[in-house]
Amino acid sequence: MAEIIDGKELAKKVRKELKKDVDELKQNGINPKLAVIMVGNNQASKIYVKNKIKACEYTGINATVIKKDEMITNEELITLINSLNVDDNVDGIIVQLPLPKHIDEQLIINSISSKKDVDGFGIENKGKLFSGLECFKSATPYGIIKLLEAYDINVSGMNAVV
């Protein structure tokens, strides 16, 4: 019989652990900050960003949302990202996807410093991941792996439908 996998319950545990980690960082004078760039008015993106901000608030991470008009150019977006890359007060950067069709998503993602690419979408973090090196990992696949580990599910040799 199939067991029900409760992702929400595991997420609560993870958030509690992260809150402890963030509290410890703050006690040592480190105040983590996330910058989320949202381009345009995609309704699904608004929900994702709202949830990311709520998670940051719970864990004690300072988060800011930078909203940009959908007519922004690649160059303007890269200039914004470069300013965040060199900002010592910003520890992580997320560019919420999807971006408008005229924006080169991979160019934009690759302009994020690998040290601040918390989505793990940049080419450097992808390369490190495939090489087995320490890096930021994409949240959704990493979350699925954590769920499978938490429920001790070995998928070797199994068929999967996503």
N, C-alpha and C. Protein backbone atom coordinates (compact mmCIF):
# COMPACT_ATOMS: atom_id res chain seq x y z
N MET A 1 0.84 -1.17 0.00
CA MET A 1 0.00 0.00 0.00
C MET A 1 0.90 1.25 0.00
N ALA A 2 0.49 2.26 -0.77
CA ALA A 2 1.28 3.49 -0.89
C ALA A 2 1.13 4.35 0.37
N GLU A 3 2.24 4.93 0.77
CA GLU A 3 2.25 5.83 1.92
C GLU A 3 2.06 7.26 1.41
N ILE A 4 1.33 8.07 2.16
CA ILE A 4 1.15 9.46 1.78
C ILE A 4 2.37 10.25 2.21
N ILE A 5 2.94 10.95 1.27
CA ILE A 5 4.11 11.78 1.55
C ILE A 5 3.61 13.17 1.89
N ASP A 6 3.94 13.64 3.09
CA ASP A 6 3.47 14.93 3.57
C ASP A 6 4.57 15.97 3.44
N GLY A 7 4.60 16.64 2.30
CA GLY A 7 5.62 17.65 2.05
C GLY A 7 5.48 18.86 2.94
N LYS A 8 4.25 19.21 3.29
CA LYS A 8 4.04 20.39 4.15
C LYS A 8 4.65 20.17 5.53
N GLU A 9 4.50 18.97 6.05
CA GLU A 9 5.04 18.67 7.38
C GLU A 9 6.57 18.72 7.36
N LEU A 10 7.16 18.15 6.33
CA LEU A 10 8.61 18.20 6.22
C LEU A 10 9.08 19.64 6.04
N ALA A 11 8.35 20.44 5.26
CA ALA A 11 8.71 21.84 5.05
C ALA A 11 8.70 22.61 6.38
N LYS A 12 7.73 22.32 7.24
CA LYS A 12 7.68 22.96 8.56
C LYS A 12 8.95 22.66 9.36
N LYS A 13 9.35 21.38 9.33
CA LYS A 13 10.57 20.99 10.05
C LYS A 13 11.79 21.70 9.50
N VAL A 14 11.88 21.77 8.19
CA VAL A 14 13.03 22.42 7.55
C VAL A 14 13.06 23.90 7.91
N ARG A 15 11.89 24.56 7.85
CA ARG A 15 11.84 25.98 8.20
C ARG A 15 12.25 26.22 9.65
N LYS A 16 11.84 25.33 10.56
CA LYS A 16 12.22 25.47 11.97
C LYS A 16 13.74 25.35 12.13
N GLU A 17 14.35 24.40 11.41
CA GLU A 17 15.80 24.23 11.47
C GLU A 17 16.50 25.46 10.89
N LEU A 18 15.96 25.97 9.79
CA LEU A 18 16.56 27.15 9.17
C LEU A 18 16.45 28.37 10.08
N LYS A 19 15.33 28.49 10.77
CA LYS A 19 15.14 29.59 11.71
C LYS A 19 16.22 29.56 12.79
N LYS A 20 16.52 28.37 13.30
CA LYS A 20 17.58 28.23 14.30
C LYS A 20 18.93 28.65 13.71
N ASP A 21 19.20 28.21 12.48
CA ASP A 21 20.46 28.57 11.82
C ASP A 21 20.56 30.09 11.62
N VAL A 22 19.47 30.70 11.20
CA VAL A 22 19.47 32.15 10.97
C VAL A 22 19.64 32.89 12.30
N ASP A 23 18.96 32.41 13.34
CA ASP A 23 19.12 33.03 14.67
C ASP A 23 20.59 32.98 15.11
N GLU A 24 21.24 31.86 14.85
CA GLU A 24 22.65 31.71 15.21
C GLU A 24 23.52 32.69 14.41
N LEU A 25 23.23 32.82 13.13
CA LEU A 25 23.97 33.77 12.30
C LEU A 25 23.81 35.19 12.86
N LYS A 26 22.59 35.53 13.21
CA LYS A 26 22.33 36.88 13.73
C LYS A 26 23.06 37.12 15.05
N GLN A 27 23.15 36.09 15.87
CA GLN A 27 23.89 36.22 17.13
C GLN A 27 25.37 36.49 16.87
N ASN A 28 25.84 36.07 15.71
CA ASN A 28 27.24 36.30 15.32
C ASN A 28 27.40 37.53 14.43
N GLY A 29 26.35 38.38 14.40
CA GLY A 29 26.44 39.63 13.66
C GLY A 29 26.19 39.53 12.18
N ILE A 30 25.68 38.41 11.71
CA ILE A 30 25.38 38.22 10.29
C ILE A 30 23.87 38.27 10.10
N ASN A 31 23.41 39.21 9.27
CA ASN A 31 21.98 39.36 9.00
C ASN A 31 21.72 39.03 7.54
N PRO A 32 21.37 37.77 7.25
CA PRO A 32 21.21 37.36 5.85
C PRO A 32 20.10 38.14 5.14
N LYS A 33 20.39 38.47 3.88
CA LYS A 33 19.43 39.21 3.08
C LYS A 33 19.29 38.59 1.70
N LEU A 34 18.05 38.45 1.27
CA LEU A 34 17.71 37.93 -0.05
C LEU A 34 17.08 39.04 -0.88
N ALA A 35 17.53 39.19 -2.11
CA ALA A 35 16.90 40.11 -3.06
C ALA A 35 16.19 39.28 -4.13
N VAL A 36 14.90 39.55 -4.29
CA VAL A 36 14.10 38.85 -5.30
C VAL A 36 13.70 39.87 -6.36
N ILE A 37 14.07 39.58 -7.59
CA ILE A 37 13.72 40.47 -8.71
C ILE A 37 12.53 39.87 -9.43
N MET A 38 11.48 40.67 -9.56
CA MET A 38 10.28 40.22 -10.26
C MET A 38 10.01 41.18 -11.41
N VAL A 39 9.97 40.63 -12.62
CA VAL A 39 9.75 41.44 -13.81
C VAL A 39 8.35 41.18 -14.33
N GLY A 40 7.58 42.24 -14.48
CA GLY A 40 6.23 42.11 -15.02
C GLY A 40 5.21 41.77 -13.95
N ASN A 41 4.05 41.30 -14.41
CA ASN A 41 2.92 41.05 -13.51
C ASN A 41 2.35 39.65 -13.63
N ASN A 42 3.20 38.66 -13.83
CA ASN A 42 2.75 37.27 -13.93
C ASN A 42 2.11 36.86 -12.59
N GLN A 43 0.86 36.43 -12.64
CA GLN A 43 0.11 36.12 -11.42
C GLN A 43 0.72 34.96 -10.64
N ALA A 44 1.16 33.93 -11.33
CA ALA A 44 1.79 32.80 -10.64
C ALA A 44 3.08 33.25 -9.96
N SER A 45 3.84 34.11 -10.63
CA SER A 45 5.07 34.62 -10.04
C SER A 45 4.79 35.41 -8.78
N LYS A 46 3.73 36.19 -8.79
CA LYS A 46 3.37 36.96 -7.60
C LYS A 46 3.12 36.04 -6.41
N ILE A 47 2.46 34.92 -6.65
CA ILE A 47 2.18 33.96 -5.57
C ILE A 47 3.47 33.32 -5.08
N TYR A 48 4.34 32.89 -6.02
CA TYR A 48 5.62 32.29 -5.63
C TYR A 48 6.45 33.26 -4.80
N VAL A 49 6.52 34.50 -5.24
CA VAL A 49 7.32 35.50 -4.53
C VAL A 49 6.72 35.76 -3.15
N LYS A 50 5.41 35.86 -3.08
CA LYS A 50 4.75 36.08 -1.79
C LYS A 50 5.10 34.95 -0.81
N ASN A 51 5.09 33.71 -1.29
CA ASN A 51 5.44 32.57 -0.44
C ASN A 51 6.90 32.58 -0.04
N LYS A 52 7.78 33.00 -0.94
CA LYS A 52 9.20 33.10 -0.60
C LYS A 52 9.42 34.15 0.49
N ILE A 53 8.72 35.26 0.37
CA ILE A 53 8.86 36.32 1.37
C ILE A 53 8.32 35.86 2.71
N LYS A 54 7.21 35.15 2.71
CA LYS A 54 6.67 34.62 3.97
C LYS A 54 7.65 33.66 4.63
N ALA A 55 8.27 32.81 3.84
CA ALA A 55 9.26 31.87 4.38
C ALA A 55 10.46 32.63 4.96
N CYS A 56 10.88 33.68 4.28
CA CYS A 56 11.99 34.50 4.79
C CYS A 56 11.60 35.16 6.10
N GLU A 57 10.40 35.71 6.15
CA GLU A 57 9.94 36.36 7.39
C GLU A 57 9.94 35.38 8.55
N TYR A 58 9.45 34.17 8.31
CA TYR A 58 9.41 33.15 9.37
C TYR A 58 10.81 32.80 9.87
N THR A 59 11.72 32.63 8.94
CA THR A 59 13.06 32.19 9.32
C THR A 59 13.95 33.33 9.80
N GLY A 60 13.52 34.56 9.58
CA GLY A 60 14.30 35.71 10.03
C GLY A 60 15.24 36.27 8.98
N ILE A 61 15.08 35.84 7.75
CA ILE A 61 15.90 36.36 6.66
C ILE A 61 15.27 37.65 6.17
N ASN A 62 16.09 38.68 6.05
CA ASN A 62 15.63 39.95 5.50
C ASN A 62 15.47 39.76 3.99
N ALA A 63 14.30 40.07 3.47
CA ALA A 63 14.06 39.89 2.04
C ALA A 63 13.46 41.15 1.45
N THR A 64 13.89 41.44 0.26
CA THR A 64 13.34 42.58 -0.46
C THR A 64 12.93 42.14 -1.86
N VAL A 65 11.81 42.66 -2.32
CA VAL A 65 11.35 42.37 -3.67
C VAL A 65 11.58 43.62 -4.51
N ILE A 66 12.27 43.44 -5.61
CA ILE A 66 12.52 44.54 -6.54
C ILE A 66 11.66 44.28 -7.76
N LYS A 67 10.64 45.11 -7.93
CA LYS A 67 9.71 44.94 -9.05
C LYS A 67 10.13 45.81 -10.21
N LYS A 68 10.15 45.21 -11.37
CA LYS A 68 10.53 45.93 -12.58
C LYS A 68 9.46 45.74 -13.65
N ASP A 69 9.29 46.77 -14.46
CA ASP A 69 8.32 46.75 -15.55
C ASP A 69 8.73 45.70 -16.57
N GLU A 70 7.75 45.09 -17.20
CA GLU A 70 8.05 44.02 -18.16
C GLU A 70 8.80 44.51 -19.40
N MET A 71 8.88 45.80 -19.60
CA MET A 71 9.60 46.34 -20.76
C MET A 71 11.08 46.56 -20.48
N ILE A 72 11.56 46.17 -19.32
CA ILE A 72 12.98 46.29 -18.99
C ILE A 72 13.81 45.56 -20.04
N THR A 73 15.01 46.05 -20.28
CA THR A 73 15.88 45.41 -21.27
C THR A 73 16.84 44.44 -20.56
N ASN A 74 17.46 43.58 -21.34
CA ASN A 74 18.49 42.69 -20.80
C ASN A 74 19.58 43.51 -20.10
N GLU A 75 20.02 44.56 -20.75
CA GLU A 75 21.10 45.39 -20.21
C GLU A 75 20.70 46.02 -18.86
N GLU A 76 19.48 46.54 -18.78
CA GLU A 76 19.02 47.16 -17.53
C GLU A 76 18.94 46.13 -16.41
N LEU A 77 18.46 44.96 -16.74
CA LEU A 77 18.34 43.89 -15.74
C LEU A 77 19.73 43.42 -15.28
N ILE A 78 20.65 43.28 -16.20
CA ILE A 78 22.02 42.88 -15.84
C ILE A 78 22.68 43.95 -14.98
N THR A 79 22.44 45.22 -15.28
CA THR A 79 22.99 46.31 -14.46
C THR A 79 22.46 46.21 -13.03
N LEU A 80 21.17 45.93 -12.88
CA LEU A 80 20.57 45.77 -11.55
C LEU A 80 21.21 44.58 -10.82
N ILE A 81 21.32 43.46 -11.51
CA ILE A 81 21.91 42.26 -10.90
C ILE A 81 23.36 42.52 -10.51
N ASN A 82 24.12 43.19 -11.37
CA ASN A 82 25.51 43.49 -11.04
C ASN A 82 25.62 44.36 -9.79
N SER A 83 24.68 45.29 -9.61
CA SER A 83 24.70 46.12 -8.39
C SER A 83 24.43 45.28 -7.15
N LEU A 84 23.59 44.26 -7.28
CA LEU A 84 23.31 43.35 -6.16
C LEU A 84 24.48 42.40 -5.93
N ASN A 85 25.15 42.00 -7.02
CA ASN A 85 26.31 41.11 -6.90
C ASN A 85 27.40 41.74 -6.03
N VAL A 86 27.60 43.04 -6.14
CA VAL A 86 28.67 43.71 -5.40
C VAL A 86 28.20 44.30 -4.07
N ASP A 87 26.91 44.19 -3.79
CA ASP A 87 26.36 44.71 -2.54
C ASP A 87 26.62 43.70 -1.42
N ASP A 88 27.51 44.06 -0.49
CA ASP A 88 27.85 43.16 0.61
C ASP A 88 26.69 42.89 1.56
N ASN A 89 25.64 43.69 1.49
CA ASN A 89 24.46 43.48 2.35
C ASN A 89 23.49 42.46 1.76
N VAL A 90 23.72 42.07 0.51
CA VAL A 90 22.85 41.08 -0.16
C VAL A 90 23.60 39.76 -0.24
N ASP A 91 22.99 38.71 0.34
CA ASP A 91 23.63 37.39 0.37
C ASP A 91 23.12 36.46 -0.72
N GLY A 92 21.89 36.69 -1.17
CA GLY A 92 21.30 35.82 -2.17
C GLY A 92 20.45 36.61 -3.14
N ILE A 93 20.41 36.15 -4.39
CA ILE A 93 19.64 36.81 -5.43
C ILE A 93 18.79 35.77 -6.15
N ILE A 94 17.53 36.10 -6.33
CA ILE A 94 16.63 35.28 -7.14
C ILE A 94 16.01 36.17 -8.21
N VAL A 95 16.05 35.73 -9.45
CA VAL A 95 15.27 36.36 -10.50
C VAL A 95 14.09 35.43 -10.73
N GLN A 96 12.90 35.92 -10.41
CA GLN A 96 11.71 35.08 -10.52
C GLN A 96 11.40 34.80 -11.99
N LEU A 97 11.26 33.53 -12.31
CA LEU A 97 10.92 33.10 -13.66
C LEU A 97 9.45 32.76 -13.74
N PRO A 98 8.83 32.86 -14.88
CA PRO A 98 9.41 33.20 -16.18
C PRO A 98 9.61 34.70 -16.34
N LEU A 99 10.50 35.05 -17.25
CA LEU A 99 10.72 36.44 -17.63
C LEU A 99 9.98 36.70 -18.94
N PRO A 100 9.72 37.97 -19.25
CA PRO A 100 9.06 38.28 -20.54
C PRO A 100 9.87 37.70 -21.70
N LYS A 101 9.18 37.43 -22.79
CA LYS A 101 9.78 36.73 -23.92
C LYS A 101 11.00 37.44 -24.53
N HIS A 102 11.07 38.75 -24.44
CA HIS A 102 12.19 39.49 -25.05
C HIS A 102 13.46 39.44 -24.19
N ILE A 103 13.36 38.87 -22.98
CA ILE A 103 14.51 38.78 -22.09
C ILE A 103 15.18 37.42 -22.27
N ASP A 104 16.50 37.41 -22.33
CA ASP A 104 17.28 36.18 -22.47
C ASP A 104 17.49 35.60 -21.06
N GLU A 105 16.64 34.64 -20.68
CA GLU A 105 16.66 34.10 -19.31
C GLU A 105 18.02 33.57 -18.90
N GLN A 106 18.66 32.79 -19.76
CA GLN A 106 19.94 32.20 -19.38
C GLN A 106 21.02 33.27 -19.21
N LEU A 107 21.01 34.28 -20.07
CA LEU A 107 21.95 35.39 -19.94
C LEU A 107 21.75 36.08 -18.59
N ILE A 108 20.50 36.31 -18.22
CA ILE A 108 20.18 36.99 -16.97
C ILE A 108 20.60 36.12 -15.78
N ILE A 109 20.24 34.86 -15.81
CA ILE A 109 20.58 33.95 -14.70
C ILE A 109 22.09 33.84 -14.54
N ASN A 110 22.81 33.75 -15.65
CA ASN A 110 24.26 33.62 -15.58
C ASN A 110 24.95 34.90 -15.13
N SER A 111 24.23 36.02 -15.12
CA SER A 111 24.83 37.27 -14.64
C SER A 111 24.81 37.35 -13.11
N ILE A 112 24.07 36.45 -12.45
CA ILE A 112 24.05 36.40 -10.99
C ILE A 112 25.33 35.72 -10.52
N SER A 113 26.01 36.33 -9.55
CA SER A 113 27.21 35.72 -8.98
C SER A 113 26.88 34.32 -8.48
N SER A 114 27.75 33.36 -8.76
CA SER A 114 27.50 31.98 -8.32
C SER A 114 27.40 31.90 -6.80
N LYS A 115 28.02 32.84 -6.10
CA LYS A 115 27.98 32.87 -4.64
C LYS A 115 26.65 33.39 -4.11
N LYS A 116 25.84 34.00 -4.99
CA LYS A 116 24.54 34.55 -4.59
C LYS A 116 23.38 33.92 -5.35
N ASP A 117 23.67 32.95 -6.21
CA ASP A 117 22.69 32.27 -7.06
C ASP A 117 21.95 31.20 -6.25
N VAL A 118 21.07 31.65 -5.35
CA VAL A 118 20.45 30.70 -4.43
C VAL A 118 19.48 29.73 -5.10
N ASP A 119 19.05 30.06 -6.32
CA ASP A 119 18.22 29.10 -7.07
C ASP A 119 19.07 28.00 -7.67
N GLY A 120 20.37 28.22 -7.80
CA GLY A 120 21.24 27.21 -8.39
C GLY A 120 21.04 27.04 -9.88
N PHE A 121 20.52 28.08 -10.57
CA PHE A 121 20.21 27.97 -11.99
C PHE A 121 21.37 28.38 -12.90
N GLY A 122 22.35 29.08 -12.35
CA GLY A 122 23.47 29.55 -13.16
C GLY A 122 24.36 28.42 -13.62
N ILE A 123 25.07 28.66 -14.69
CA ILE A 123 25.90 27.63 -15.30
C ILE A 123 26.98 27.12 -14.36
N GLU A 124 27.55 28.01 -13.53
CA GLU A 124 28.61 27.58 -12.61
C GLU A 124 28.06 26.63 -11.55
N ASN A 125 26.91 26.97 -10.96
CA ASN A 125 26.33 26.07 -9.96
C ASN A 125 25.86 24.76 -10.57
N LYS A 126 25.34 24.81 -11.78
CA LYS A 126 24.94 23.57 -12.46
C LYS A 126 26.15 22.67 -12.70
N GLY A 127 27.24 23.30 -13.16
CA GLY A 127 28.47 22.53 -13.41
C GLY A 127 29.01 21.91 -12.14
N LYS A 128 29.00 22.68 -11.05
CA LYS A 128 29.47 22.13 -9.77
C LYS A 128 28.58 20.99 -9.31
N LEU A 129 27.26 21.15 -9.48
CA LEU A 129 26.33 20.10 -9.08
C LEU A 129 26.63 18.80 -9.83
N PHE A 130 26.79 18.90 -11.14
CA PHE A 130 27.05 17.71 -11.95
C PHE A 130 28.42 17.11 -11.68
N SER A 131 29.32 17.93 -11.13
CA SER A 131 30.67 17.45 -10.80
C SER A 131 30.77 16.96 -9.36
N GLY A 132 29.66 17.04 -8.62
CA GLY A 132 29.65 16.58 -7.24
C GLY A 132 30.31 17.55 -6.27
N LEU A 133 30.44 18.82 -6.68
CA LEU A 133 31.07 19.83 -5.83
C LEU A 133 30.02 20.61 -5.04
N GLU A 134 30.47 21.25 -3.98
CA GLU A 134 29.58 22.06 -3.15
C GLU A 134 29.02 23.22 -3.97
N CYS A 135 27.69 23.43 -3.90
CA CYS A 135 27.06 24.50 -4.67
C CYS A 135 25.63 24.71 -4.18
N PHE A 136 25.02 25.76 -4.70
CA PHE A 136 23.59 25.94 -4.47
C PHE A 136 22.86 24.96 -5.38
N LYS A 137 21.81 24.35 -4.84
CA LYS A 137 21.03 23.37 -5.59
C LYS A 137 19.64 23.93 -5.87
N SER A 138 19.11 23.60 -7.04
CA SER A 138 17.75 24.04 -7.38
C SER A 138 16.77 23.47 -6.37
N ALA A 139 15.90 24.34 -5.87
CA ALA A 139 15.04 24.00 -4.73
C ALA A 139 14.08 22.85 -4.99
N THR A 140 13.40 22.85 -6.12
CA THR A 140 12.37 21.82 -6.35
C THR A 140 12.96 20.42 -6.40
N PRO A 141 13.97 20.16 -7.26
CA PRO A 141 14.52 18.80 -7.26
C PRO A 141 15.17 18.43 -5.92
N TYR A 142 15.84 19.40 -5.28
CA TYR A 142 16.47 19.12 -3.99
C TYR A 142 15.40 18.80 -2.94
N GLY A 143 14.29 19.53 -3.00
CA GLY A 143 13.18 19.26 -2.08
C GLY A 143 12.61 17.86 -2.28
N ILE A 144 12.50 17.44 -3.51
CA ILE A 144 11.99 16.09 -3.80
C ILE A 144 12.95 15.04 -3.26
N ILE A 145 14.23 15.27 -3.44
CA ILE A 145 15.22 14.33 -2.90
C ILE A 145 15.09 14.24 -1.38
N LYS A 146 14.94 15.40 -0.73
CA LYS A 146 14.79 15.43 0.73
C LYS A 146 13.53 14.69 1.18
N LEU A 147 12.45 14.84 0.42
CA LEU A 147 11.21 14.10 0.74
C LEU A 147 11.43 12.60 0.63
N LEU A 148 12.06 12.18 -0.46
CA LEU A 148 12.32 10.75 -0.64
C LEU A 148 13.21 10.22 0.47
N GLU A 149 14.22 10.99 0.87
CA GLU A 149 15.11 10.57 1.96
C GLU A 149 14.35 10.50 3.28
N ALA A 150 13.49 11.49 3.53
CA ALA A 150 12.75 11.54 4.80
C ALA A 150 11.81 10.35 4.94
N TYR A 151 11.30 9.86 3.83
CA TYR A 151 10.38 8.72 3.86
C TYR A 151 11.09 7.41 3.50
N ASP A 152 12.42 7.48 3.38
CA ASP A 152 13.24 6.30 3.09
C ASP A 152 12.74 5.56 1.86
N ILE A 153 12.55 6.32 0.79
CA ILE A 153 12.06 5.75 -0.47
C ILE A 153 13.23 5.66 -1.45
N ASN A 154 13.52 4.43 -1.88
CA ASN A 154 14.57 4.19 -2.85
C ASN A 154 13.91 4.08 -4.22
N VAL A 155 14.25 5.00 -5.11
CA VAL A 155 13.60 5.02 -6.42
C VAL A 155 14.40 4.28 -7.50
N SER A 156 15.51 3.69 -7.11
CA SER A 156 16.32 2.97 -8.07
C SER A 156 15.51 1.89 -8.76
N GLY A 157 15.48 1.95 -10.09
CA GLY A 157 14.77 0.94 -10.87
C GLY A 157 13.27 1.19 -11.00
N MET A 158 12.76 2.26 -10.38
CA MET A 158 11.33 2.55 -10.44
C MET A 158 11.03 3.46 -11.61
N ASN A 159 9.78 3.43 -12.06
CA ASN A 159 9.29 4.38 -13.06
C ASN A 159 8.67 5.54 -12.32
N ALA A 160 8.81 6.74 -12.88
CA ALA A 160 8.26 7.93 -12.24
C ALA A 160 7.48 8.75 -13.24
N VAL A 161 6.41 9.37 -12.77
CA VAL A 161 5.63 10.28 -13.60
C VAL A 161 5.59 11.60 -12.86
N VAL A 162 5.92 12.67 -13.57
CA VAL A 162 5.90 14.00 -12.97
C VAL A 162 4.83 14.82 -13.65
